[in-house]
C-alpha atoms as a PDB file:
ATOM      1  CA  MET A   1      67.535 100.702  70.752  1.00  0.00           C
ATOM      2  CA  PRO A   2      71.322 100.424  70.065  1.00  0.00           C
ATOM      3  CA  ASP A   3      73.247 103.075  71.966  1.00  0.00           C
ATOM      4  CA  SER A   4      76.652 102.890  70.231  1.00  0.00           C
ATOM      5  CA  PRO A   5      77.912 103.141  66.602  1.00  0.00           C
ATOM      6  CA  SER A   6      79.402  99.650  66.831  1.00  0.00           C
ATOM      7  CA  ALA A   7      75.953  98.183  67.288  1.00  0.00           C
ATOM      8  CA  PHE A   8      74.984  99.357  63.795  1.00  0.00           C
ATOM      9  CA  ARG A   9      77.931  97.621  62.060  1.00  0.00           C
ATOM     10  CA  PRO A  10      76.306  94.179  61.608  1.00  0.00           C
ATOM     11  CA  ILE A  11      73.183  95.861  60.206  1.00  0.00           C
ATOM     12  CA  ALA A  12      75.253  97.994  57.823  1.00  0.00           C
ATOM     13  CA  ALA A  13      77.310  94.985  56.716  1.00  0.00           C
ATOM     14  CA  ARG A  14      74.152  92.999  55.999  1.00  0.00           C
ATOM     15  CA  ALA A  15      72.671  95.868  53.978  1.00  0.00           C
ATOM     16  CA  LEU A  16      75.907  96.214  51.995  1.00  0.00           C
ATOM     17  CA  SER A  17      75.952  92.470  51.271  1.00  0.00           C
ATOM     18  CA  LEU A  18      72.385  92.539  49.952  1.00  0.00           C
ATOM     19  CA  ALA A  19      73.131  95.590  47.804  1.00  0.00           C
ATOM     20  CA  CYS A  20      76.202  93.891  46.279  1.00  0.00           C
ATOM     21  CA  ALA A  21      74.160  90.775  45.494  1.00  0.00           C
ATOM     22  CA  ALA A  22      71.517  92.878  43.747  1.00  0.00           C
ATOM     23  CA  VAL A  23      74.150  94.648  41.653  1.00  0.00           C
ATOM     24  CA  ALA A  24      75.664  91.298  40.649  1.00  0.00           C
ATOM     25  CA  VAL A  25      72.299  89.999  39.449  1.00  0.00           C
ATOM     26  CA  LEU A  26      71.396  93.174  37.555  1.00  0.00           C
ATOM     27  CA  SER A  27      74.794  93.359  35.855  1.00  0.00           C
ATOM     28  CA  GLY A  28      74.510  89.941  34.165  1.00  0.00           C
ATOM     29  CA  CYS A  29      74.764  89.966  30.397  1.00  0.00           C
ATOM     30  CA  THR A  30      73.062  87.839  27.767  1.00  0.00           C
ATOM     31  CA  VAL A  31      74.943  85.334  25.619  1.00  0.00           C
ATOM     32  CA  PRO A  32      74.186  84.680  21.935  1.00  0.00           C
ATOM     33  CA  PHE A  33      72.589  81.240  21.829  1.00  0.00           C
ATOM     34  CA  VAL A  34      73.509  78.144  19.902  1.00  0.00           C
ATOM     35  CA  THR A  35      70.905  75.411  19.879  1.00  0.00           C
ATOM     36  CA  ASP A  36      72.273  72.179  21.274  1.00  0.00           C
ATOM     37  CA  THR A  37      70.740  68.756  21.569  1.00  0.00           C
ATOM     38  CA  THR A  38      72.623  66.474  23.918  1.00  0.00           C
ATOM     39  CA  ARG A  39      72.119  63.653  26.346  1.00  0.00           C
ATOM     40  CA  MET A  40      71.821  64.925  29.893  1.00  0.00           C
ATOM     41  CA  ASP A  41      70.489  63.586  33.176  1.00  0.00           C
ATOM     42  CA  PRO A  42      66.965  65.096  33.220  1.00  0.00           C
ATOM     43  CA  ALA A  43      66.517  64.538  36.963  1.00  0.00           C
ATOM     44  CA  VAL A  44      69.477  66.769  37.769  1.00  0.00           C
ATOM     45  CA  PHE A  45      68.335  69.390  35.290  1.00  0.00           C
ATOM     46  CA  ALA A  46      64.763  69.458  36.601  1.00  0.00           C
ATOM     47  CA  ARG A  47      65.984  69.789  40.182  1.00  0.00           C
ATOM     48  CA  GLU A  48      68.483  72.547  39.507  1.00  0.00           C
ATOM     49  CA  THR A  49      66.173  74.651  37.351  1.00  0.00           C
ATOM     50  CA  ALA A  50      63.089  74.338  39.546  1.00  0.00           C
ATOM     51  CA  PRO A  51      61.647  77.732  40.595  1.00  0.00           C
ATOM     52  CA  ASN A  52      62.184  76.939  44.255  1.00  0.00           C
ATOM     53  CA  PHE A  53      65.729  75.595  43.893  1.00  0.00           C
ATOM     54  CA  TYR A  54      68.011  77.492  46.196  1.00  0.00           C
ATOM     55  CA  VAL A  55      70.814  76.960  48.689  1.00  0.00           C
ATOM     56  CA  PRO A  56      69.442  77.571  52.183  1.00  0.00           C
ATOM     57  CA  PRO A  57      71.328  80.135  54.213  1.00  0.00           C
ATOM     58  CA  TYR A  58      73.595  79.009  57.010  1.00  0.00           C
ATOM     59  CA  ALA A  59      71.817  78.660  60.340  1.00  0.00           C
ATOM     60  CA  ASP A  60      73.485  78.133  63.698  1.00  0.00           C
ATOM     61  CA  PRO A  61      72.610  74.759  65.229  1.00  0.00           C
ATOM     62  CA  PRO A  62      70.279  74.867  68.238  1.00  0.00           C
ATOM     63  CA  SER A  63      72.001  75.309  71.542  1.00  0.00           C
ATOM     64  CA  ASN A  64      71.021  74.563  75.126  1.00  0.00           C
ATOM     65  CA  GLN A  65      73.410  77.186  76.411  1.00  0.00           C
ATOM     66  CA  PRO A  66      71.864  80.143  78.266  1.00  0.00           C
ATOM     67  CA  PRO A  67      71.874  83.533  76.502  1.00  0.00           C
ATOM     68  CA  PRO A  68      75.009  85.645  77.116  1.00  0.00           C
ATOM     69  CA  MET A  69      75.064  88.046  80.028  1.00  0.00           C
ATOM     70  CA  PRO A  70      74.403  91.710  79.221  1.00  0.00           C
ATOM     71  CA  GLY A  71      77.626  93.416  78.161  1.00  0.00           C
ATOM     72  CA  ALA A  72      79.404  90.125  77.310  1.00  0.00           C
ATOM     73  CA  ILE A  73      81.777  90.137  74.323  1.00  0.00           C
ATOM     74  CA  PRO A  74      80.203  88.055  71.508  1.00  0.00           C
ATOM     75  CA  GLN A  75      82.210  85.007  70.443  1.00  0.00           C
ATOM     76  CA  LYS A  76      83.183  84.439  66.794  1.00  0.00           C
ATOM     77  CA  ARG A  77      80.867  81.908  65.187  1.00  0.00           C
ATOM     78  CA  GLN A  78      82.510  78.638  64.129  1.00  0.00           C
ATOM     79  CA  LEU A  79      81.086  77.780  60.705  1.00  0.00           C
ATOM     80  CA  TYR A  80      82.533  74.270  60.633  1.00  0.00           C
ATOM     81  CA  PRO A  81      83.334  71.856  63.462  1.00  0.00           C
ATOM     82  CA  SER A  82      86.988  71.262  64.235  1.00  0.00           C
ATOM     83  CA  ASN A  83      86.909  67.837  62.551  1.00  0.00           C
ATOM     84  CA  PHE A  84      85.165  69.022  59.331  1.00  0.00           C
ATOM     85  CA  HIS A  85      88.188  68.620  57.034  1.00  0.00           C
ATOM     86  CA  GLN A  86      89.482  65.544  58.828  1.00  0.00           C
ATOM     87  CA  THR A  87      86.165  63.876  57.988  1.00  0.00           C
ATOM     88  CA  TYR A  88      87.309  63.799  54.353  1.00  0.00           C
ATOM     89  CA  GLY A  89      90.944  63.017  55.137  1.00  0.00           C
ATOM     90  CA  LEU A  90      92.172  66.207  53.475  1.00  0.00           C
ATOM     91  CA  PRO A  91      94.372  69.080  54.617  1.00  0.00           C
ATOM     92  CA  ILE A  92      92.553  72.123  55.935  1.00  0.00           C
ATOM     93  CA  SER A  93      93.847  74.377  53.167  1.00  0.00           C
ATOM     94  CA  ASN A  94      95.497  73.907  49.789  1.00  0.00           C
ATOM     95  CA  PRO A  95      96.415  77.241  48.155  1.00  0.00           C
ATOM     96  CA  VAL A  96      96.722  75.701  44.673  1.00  0.00           C
ATOM     97  CA  HIS A  97      93.280  74.107  44.764  1.00  0.00           C
ATOM     98  CA  ARG A  98      91.790  77.188  46.374  1.00  0.00           C
ATOM     99  CA  MET A  99      93.039  79.227  43.407  1.00  0.00           C
ATOM    100  CA  MET A 100      91.827  76.643  40.855  1.00  0.00           C
ATOM    101  CA  TYR A 101      88.338  76.325  42.287  1.00  0.00           C
ATOM    102  CA  ASP A 102      87.705  79.803  43.646  1.00  0.00           C
ATOM    103  CA  VAL A 103      84.866  82.080  42.540  1.00  0.00           C
ATOM    104  CA  THR A 104      85.251  82.615  38.789  1.00  0.00           C
ATOM    105  CA  ARG A 105      83.778  85.494  36.777  1.00  0.00           C
ATOM    106  CA  ASP A 106      83.338  84.600  33.143  1.00  0.00           C
ATOM    107  CA  ASP A 107      81.417  86.290  30.318  1.00  0.00           C
ATOM    108  CA  GLY A 108      78.973  87.981  32.679  1.00  0.00           C
ATOM    109  CA  HIS A 109      78.425  84.891  34.832  1.00  0.00           C
ATOM    110  CA  THR A 110      79.814  84.313  38.308  1.00  0.00           C
ATOM    111  CA  LEU A 111      80.621  80.690  39.082  1.00  0.00           C
ATOM    112  CA  PRO A 112      80.584  79.937  42.805  1.00  0.00           C
ATOM    113  CA  ALA A 113      83.632  78.454  44.486  1.00  0.00           C
ATOM    114  CA  ILE A 114      83.691  74.656  44.468  1.00  0.00           C
ATOM    115  CA  PRO A 115      84.061  73.037  47.914  1.00  0.00           C
ATOM    116  CA  TYR A 116      87.118  71.075  46.809  1.00  0.00           C
ATOM    117  CA  SER A 117      87.759  69.768  50.333  1.00  0.00           C
ATOM    118  CA  ARG A 118      84.594  67.683  49.951  1.00  0.00           C
ATOM    119  CA  ILE A 119      85.813  66.036  46.723  1.00  0.00           C
ATOM    120  CA  ASP A 120      88.119  63.018  46.622  1.00  0.00           C
ATOM    121  CA  PRO A 121      91.527  64.633  45.879  1.00  0.00           C
ATOM    122  CA  ARG A 122      92.259  62.233  43.016  1.00  0.00           C
ATOM    123  CA  PHE A 123      89.425  63.873  41.061  1.00  0.00           C
ATOM    124  CA  LEU A 124      90.941  67.357  41.343  1.00  0.00           C
ATOM    125  CA  ARG A 125      92.905  68.825  38.444  1.00  0.00           C
ATOM    126  CA  GLN A 126      96.588  67.827  38.457  1.00  0.00           C
ATOM    127  CA  GLU A 127      99.495  67.048  36.154  1.00  0.00           C
ATOM    128  CA  VAL A 128     100.492  63.379  36.331  1.00  0.00           C
ATOM    129  CA  SER A 129     102.850  60.900  34.688  1.00  0.00           C
ATOM    130  CA  TYR A 130     100.921  59.072  31.984  1.00  0.00           C
ATOM    131  CA  ALA A 131     102.234  56.354  29.667  1.00  0.00           C
ATOM    132  CA  THR A 132     100.210  56.168  26.443  1.00  0.00           C
ATOM    133  CA  SER A 133     100.650  55.625  22.739  1.00  0.00           C
ATOM    134  CA  GLU A 134      98.273  58.524  22.013  1.00  0.00           C
ATOM    135  CA  ALA A 135      99.832  61.681  20.577  1.00  0.00           C
ATOM    136  CA  PRO A 136     100.196  64.820  22.699  1.00  0.00           C
ATOM    137  CA  GLY A 137      97.070  66.952  22.447  1.00  0.00           C
ATOM    138  CA  THR A 138      94.724  63.937  22.503  1.00  0.00           C
ATOM    139  CA  ILE A 139      91.914  63.720  25.053  1.00  0.00           C
ATOM    140  CA  VAL A 140      91.622  60.274  26.656  1.00  0.00           C
ATOM    141  CA  VAL A 141      88.637  59.427  28.878  1.00  0.00           C
ATOM    142  CA  ASP A 142      89.135  56.452  31.201  1.00  0.00           C
ATOM    143  CA  THR A 143      85.604  55.373  32.086  1.00  0.00           C
ATOM    144  CA  GLN A 144      86.738  52.862  34.713  1.00  0.00           C
ATOM    145  CA  ALA A 145      88.732  55.363  36.762  1.00  0.00           C
ATOM    146  CA  HIS A 146      86.521  58.403  35.956  1.00  0.00           C
ATOM    147  CA  TYR A 147      89.481  60.393  34.652  1.00  0.00           C
ATOM    148  CA  LEU A 148      89.921  62.613  31.618  1.00  0.00           C
ATOM    149  CA  TYR A 149      93.523  63.002  30.454  1.00  0.00           C
ATOM    150  CA  LEU A 150      94.867  65.662  28.128  1.00  0.00           C
ATOM    151  CA  VAL A 151      98.046  64.034  26.829  1.00  0.00           C
ATOM    152  CA  GLU A 152     101.195  66.187  27.077  1.00  0.00           C
ATOM    153  CA  PRO A 153     104.726  65.597  25.781  1.00  0.00           C
ATOM    154  CA  ASP A 154     107.362  63.653  27.737  1.00  0.00           C
ATOM    155  CA  GLY A 155     105.046  61.125  29.345  1.00  0.00           C
ATOM    156  CA  LYS A 156     102.880  63.668  31.159  1.00  0.00           C
ATOM    157  CA  ALA A 157      99.176  64.509  31.107  1.00  0.00           C
ATOM    158  CA  MET A 158      96.786  66.959  32.700  1.00  0.00           C
ATOM    159  CA  ARG A 159      94.240  64.851  34.553  1.00  0.00           C
ATOM    160  CA  TYR A 160      90.703  65.855  35.542  1.00  0.00           C
ATOM    161  CA  GLY A 161      88.002  63.974  37.421  1.00  0.00           C
ATOM    162  CA  VAL A 162      84.791  63.403  35.451  1.00  0.00           C
ATOM    163  CA  GLY A 163      81.250  62.127  35.869  1.00  0.00           C
ATOM    164  CA  LEU A 164      80.128  59.619  33.255  1.00  0.00           C
ATOM    165  CA  GLY A 165      77.074  57.848  31.870  1.00  0.00           C
ATOM    166  CA  LYS A 166      75.089  55.459  34.015  1.00  0.00           C
ATOM    167  CA  ALA A 167      74.412  51.903  32.889  1.00  0.00           C
ATOM    168  CA  GLY A 168      72.817  51.758  29.458  1.00  0.00           C
ATOM    169  CA  PHE A 169      73.864  55.271  28.430  1.00  0.00           C
ATOM    170  CA  ALA A 170      77.661  55.075  28.165  1.00  0.00           C
ATOM    171  CA  TRP A 171      79.456  55.758  24.890  1.00  0.00           C
ATOM    172  CA  SER A 172      82.957  54.725  23.875  1.00  0.00           C
ATOM    173  CA  GLY A 173      85.146  54.951  20.802  1.00  0.00           C
ATOM    174  CA  ARG A 174      87.244  57.443  18.866  1.00  0.00           C
ATOM    175  CA  GLY A 175      86.002  60.806  17.796  1.00  0.00           C
ATOM    176  CA  VAL A 176      86.958  64.417  17.356  1.00  0.00           C
ATOM    177  CA  ILE A 177      86.001  67.640  19.091  1.00  0.00           C
ATOM    178  CA  GLN A 178      84.434  69.311  16.079  1.00  0.00           C
ATOM    179  CA  ARG A 179      82.825  72.266  17.864  1.00  0.00           C
ATOM    180  CA  LYS A 180      83.371  74.233  21.076  1.00  0.00           C
ATOM    181  CA  ALA A 181      80.932  76.561  22.806  1.00  0.00           C
ATOM    182  CA  LYS A 182      81.016  78.946  25.753  1.00  0.00           C
ATOM    183  CA  TRP A 183      77.919  79.009  27.928  1.00  0.00           C
ATOM    184  CA  PRO A 184      75.903  76.805  25.548  1.00  0.00           C
ATOM    185  CA  ARG A 185      72.161  76.282  25.456  1.00  0.00           C
ATOM    186  CA  TRP A 186      70.636  72.823  25.819  1.00  0.00           C
ATOM    187  CA  THR A 187      67.764  71.090  24.046  1.00  0.00           C
ATOM    188  CA  PRO A 188      66.802  67.570  25.201  1.00  0.00           C
ATOM    189  CA  PRO A 189      66.714  65.024  22.357  1.00  0.00           C
ATOM    190  CA  ASP A 190      63.461  63.396  21.297  1.00  0.00           C
ATOM    191  CA  ASP A 191      64.133  60.048  22.999  1.00  0.00           C
ATOM    192  CA  MET A 192      64.788  61.795  26.307  1.00  0.00           C
ATOM    193  CA  VAL A 193      61.574  63.810  25.999  1.00  0.00           C
ATOM    194  CA  ALA A 194      59.715  60.562  25.278  1.00  0.00           C
ATOM    195  CA  ARG A 195      61.057  59.101  28.551  1.00  0.00           C
ATOM    196  CA  GLN A 196      60.322  62.255  30.545  1.00  0.00           C
ATOM    197  CA  PRO A 197      57.548  64.367  28.958  1.00  0.00           C
ATOM    198  CA  ASP A 198      58.007  67.272  31.389  1.00  0.00           C
ATOM    199  CA  LEU A 199      61.180  68.140  29.453  1.00  0.00           C
ATOM    200  CA  ARG A 200      59.072  69.019  26.414  1.00  0.00           C
ATOM    201  CA  GLN A 201      59.015  72.679  27.497  1.00  0.00           C
ATOM    202  CA  PHE A 202      62.780  72.893  27.020  1.00  0.00           C
ATOM    203  CA  ALA A 203      62.672  71.079  23.686  1.00  0.00           C
ATOM    204  CA  ALA A 204      60.000  73.492  22.464  1.00  0.00           C
ATOM    205  CA  ALA A 205      61.743  76.667  23.654  1.00  0.00           C
ATOM    206  CA  GLU A 206      63.613  78.618  20.989  1.00  0.00           C
ATOM    207  CA  GLY A 207      67.264  77.687  21.342  1.00  0.00           C
ATOM    208  CA  GLY A 208      66.547  75.373  24.283  1.00  0.00           C
ATOM    209  CA  ALA A 209      67.366  76.011  27.929  1.00  0.00           C
ATOM    210  CA  ASN A 210      69.058  79.346  28.603  1.00  0.00           C
ATOM    211  CA  PRO A 211      72.796  79.427  29.256  1.00  0.00           C
ATOM    212  CA  GLY A 212      73.733  80.092  32.841  1.00  0.00           C
ATOM    213  CA  LEU A 213      74.614  78.632  36.200  1.00  0.00           C
ATOM    214  CA  ASN A 214      71.745  76.107  36.209  1.00  0.00           C
ATOM    215  CA  ASN A 215      72.135  74.914  32.624  1.00  0.00           C
ATOM    216  CA  PRO A 216      73.141  71.209  32.590  1.00  0.00           C
ATOM    217  CA  LEU A 217      75.933  71.915  30.078  1.00  0.00           C
ATOM    218  CA  GLY A 218      77.609  74.329  32.464  1.00  0.00           C
ATOM    219  CA  ALA A 219      80.170  76.901  31.383  1.00  0.00           C
ATOM    220  CA  ARG A 220      81.588  75.097  28.345  1.00  0.00           C
ATOM    221  CA  ALA A 221      80.753  72.285  25.930  1.00  0.00           C
ATOM    222  CA  LEU A 222      83.020  70.288  23.621  1.00  0.00           C
ATOM    223  CA  TYR A 223      80.976  68.492  20.943  1.00  0.00           C
ATOM    224  CA  ILE A 224      82.051  64.942  20.047  1.00  0.00           C
ATOM    225  CA  PHE A 225      81.691  63.946  16.396  1.00  0.00           C
ATOM    226  CA  GLN A 226      82.458  60.562  14.855  1.00  0.00           C
ATOM    227  CA  ASN A 227      82.917  60.001  11.128  1.00  0.00           C
ATOM    228  CA  GLY A 228      81.621  63.518  10.489  1.00  0.00           C
ATOM    229  CA  LYS A 229      78.378  63.002  12.441  1.00  0.00           C
ATOM    230  CA  ASP A 230      77.315  64.475  15.767  1.00  0.00           C
ATOM    231  CA  THR A 231      77.249  61.712  18.402  1.00  0.00           C
ATOM    232  CA  LEU A 232      75.042  63.880  20.683  1.00  0.00           C
ATOM    233  CA  TYR A 233      77.620  63.264  23.416  1.00  0.00           C
ATOM    234  CA  ARG A 234      79.609  66.107  24.945  1.00  0.00           C
ATOM    235  CA  VAL A 235      82.422  66.927  27.288  1.00  0.00           C
ATOM    236  CA  HIS A 236      80.866  69.716  29.336  1.00  0.00           C
ATOM    237  CA  GLY A 237      80.682  71.492  32.661  1.00  0.00           C
ATOM    238  CA  THR A 238      78.063  70.844  35.294  1.00  0.00           C
ATOM    239  CA  PRO A 239      76.546  72.767  38.211  1.00  0.00           C
ATOM    240  CA  ASP A 240      76.308  69.431  40.072  1.00  0.00           C
ATOM    241  CA  TRP A 241      79.888  69.128  41.365  1.00  0.00           C
ATOM    242  CA  GLN A 242      78.938  66.077  43.442  1.00  0.00           C
ATOM    243  CA  SER A 243      78.378  64.040  40.258  1.00  0.00           C
ATOM    244  CA  VAL A 244      82.105  64.102  39.390  1.00  0.00           C
ATOM    245  CA  GLY A 245      83.603  60.664  39.977  1.00  0.00           C
ATOM    246  CA  LYS A 246      80.213  58.968  39.620  1.00  0.00           C
ATOM    247  CA  ALA A 247      78.088  57.373  36.890  1.00  0.00           C
ATOM    248  CA  THR A 248      75.001  59.605  36.840  1.00  0.00           C
ATOM    249  CA  SER A 249      74.694  61.264  33.432  1.00  0.00           C
ATOM    250  CA  SER A 250      72.945  60.119  30.276  1.00  0.00           C
ATOM    251  CA  GLY A 251      76.259  59.411  28.604  1.00  0.00           C
ATOM    252  CA  CYS A 252      78.088  62.743  28.497  1.00  0.00           C
ATOM    253  CA  VAL A 253      81.427  63.442  30.158  1.00  0.00           C
ATOM    254  CA  ARG A 254      80.836  65.918  33.003  1.00  0.00           C
ATOM    255  CA  MET A 255      83.517  68.126  34.495  1.00  0.00           C
ATOM    256  CA  LEU A 256      83.696  70.703  37.266  1.00  0.00           C
ATOM    257  CA  ASN A 257      82.925  74.055  35.656  1.00  0.00           C
ATOM    258  CA  GLN A 258      86.315  75.516  36.565  1.00  0.00           C
ATOM    259  CA  ASP A 259      87.992  72.423  35.064  1.00  0.00           C
ATOM    260  CA  VAL A 260      86.067  72.466  31.784  1.00  0.00           C
ATOM    261  CA  ILE A 261      87.026  76.134  31.316  1.00  0.00           C
ATOM    262  CA  ASP A 262      90.670  75.135  31.797  1.00  0.00           C
ATOM    263  CA  LEU A 263      90.370  72.258  29.303  1.00  0.00           C
ATOM    264  CA  PHE A 264      88.447  74.428  26.813  1.00  0.00           C
ATOM    265  CA  ASP A 265      91.318  76.930  26.743  1.00  0.00           C
ATOM    266  CA  ARG A 266      93.908  74.188  26.166  1.00  0.00           C
ATOM    267  CA  VAL A 267      92.372  72.344  23.202  1.00  0.00           C
ATOM    268  CA  PRO A 268      91.447  73.578  19.717  1.00  0.00           C
ATOM    269  CA  SER A 269      88.614  72.419  17.490  1.00  0.00           C
ATOM    270  CA  GLY A 270      89.676  69.205  15.763  1.00  0.00           C
ATOM    271  CA  THR A 271      91.208  67.690  18.907  1.00  0.00           C
ATOM    272  CA  PRO A 272      91.017  63.869  18.824  1.00  0.00           C
ATOM    273  CA  ILE A 273      89.202  62.183  21.725  1.00  0.00           C
ATOM    274  CA  VAL A 274      89.320  58.539  22.805  1.00  0.00           C
ATOM    275  CA  VAL A 275      86.775  57.164  25.288  1.00  0.00           C
ATOM    276  CA  ILE A 276      87.912  53.787  26.628  1.00  0.00           C
END
């Protein structure tokens, strides 16, 4: 039985944390749906929306050290080894990136912080020099480098890292962003359902998969049209931050959720897009 008030503090802190989490879940709001059919990676979607999908809590590694002596002052737990950040060749802290990729509350949803120190720094949002003949305001997707550029005046561009389509699913050409959506729904197209029948439940659901943290379209979607027709390809967010910089999707242009929100706010409907 604890014999001092300080012994109750960890228990009280844990109870407060659980209460705050419950309030956050109960305070979520619904979002009017817009049916969307787009080409996504069904494997990622199935994994992230599975009933048992969760992030396991942190657990201390096993130790061969003897238990502390009675009355000893507990040591502060080290969450990461001293060489954690050096493993990725990155500085321990970057205030600008921490601000960009911190926890984001948006339209009743809470996006978790992105572990930017585990992402190649060239795929993080940054303004760069960029020589192009495209007019300012144009989106240019470089499929070789896995970059998306938003062209700015005076030879500059805002550059974002993106995930792109795997072999056989890539799309290229000129188009226009004809529609924009916050927290969109997703409906798999017929050819995708034919390849993976277990997606039929999402195709049959009214409005498709619910918007939210596990939706493959993420926090925002920019709909690419060509010659007035929907290409079924999108620039969109993703809950799978590890896919940025890789070729894993079914043709869409994936962005970190915090980055797609930034891009969404910068470009209007009618923005030209070039995928090269």
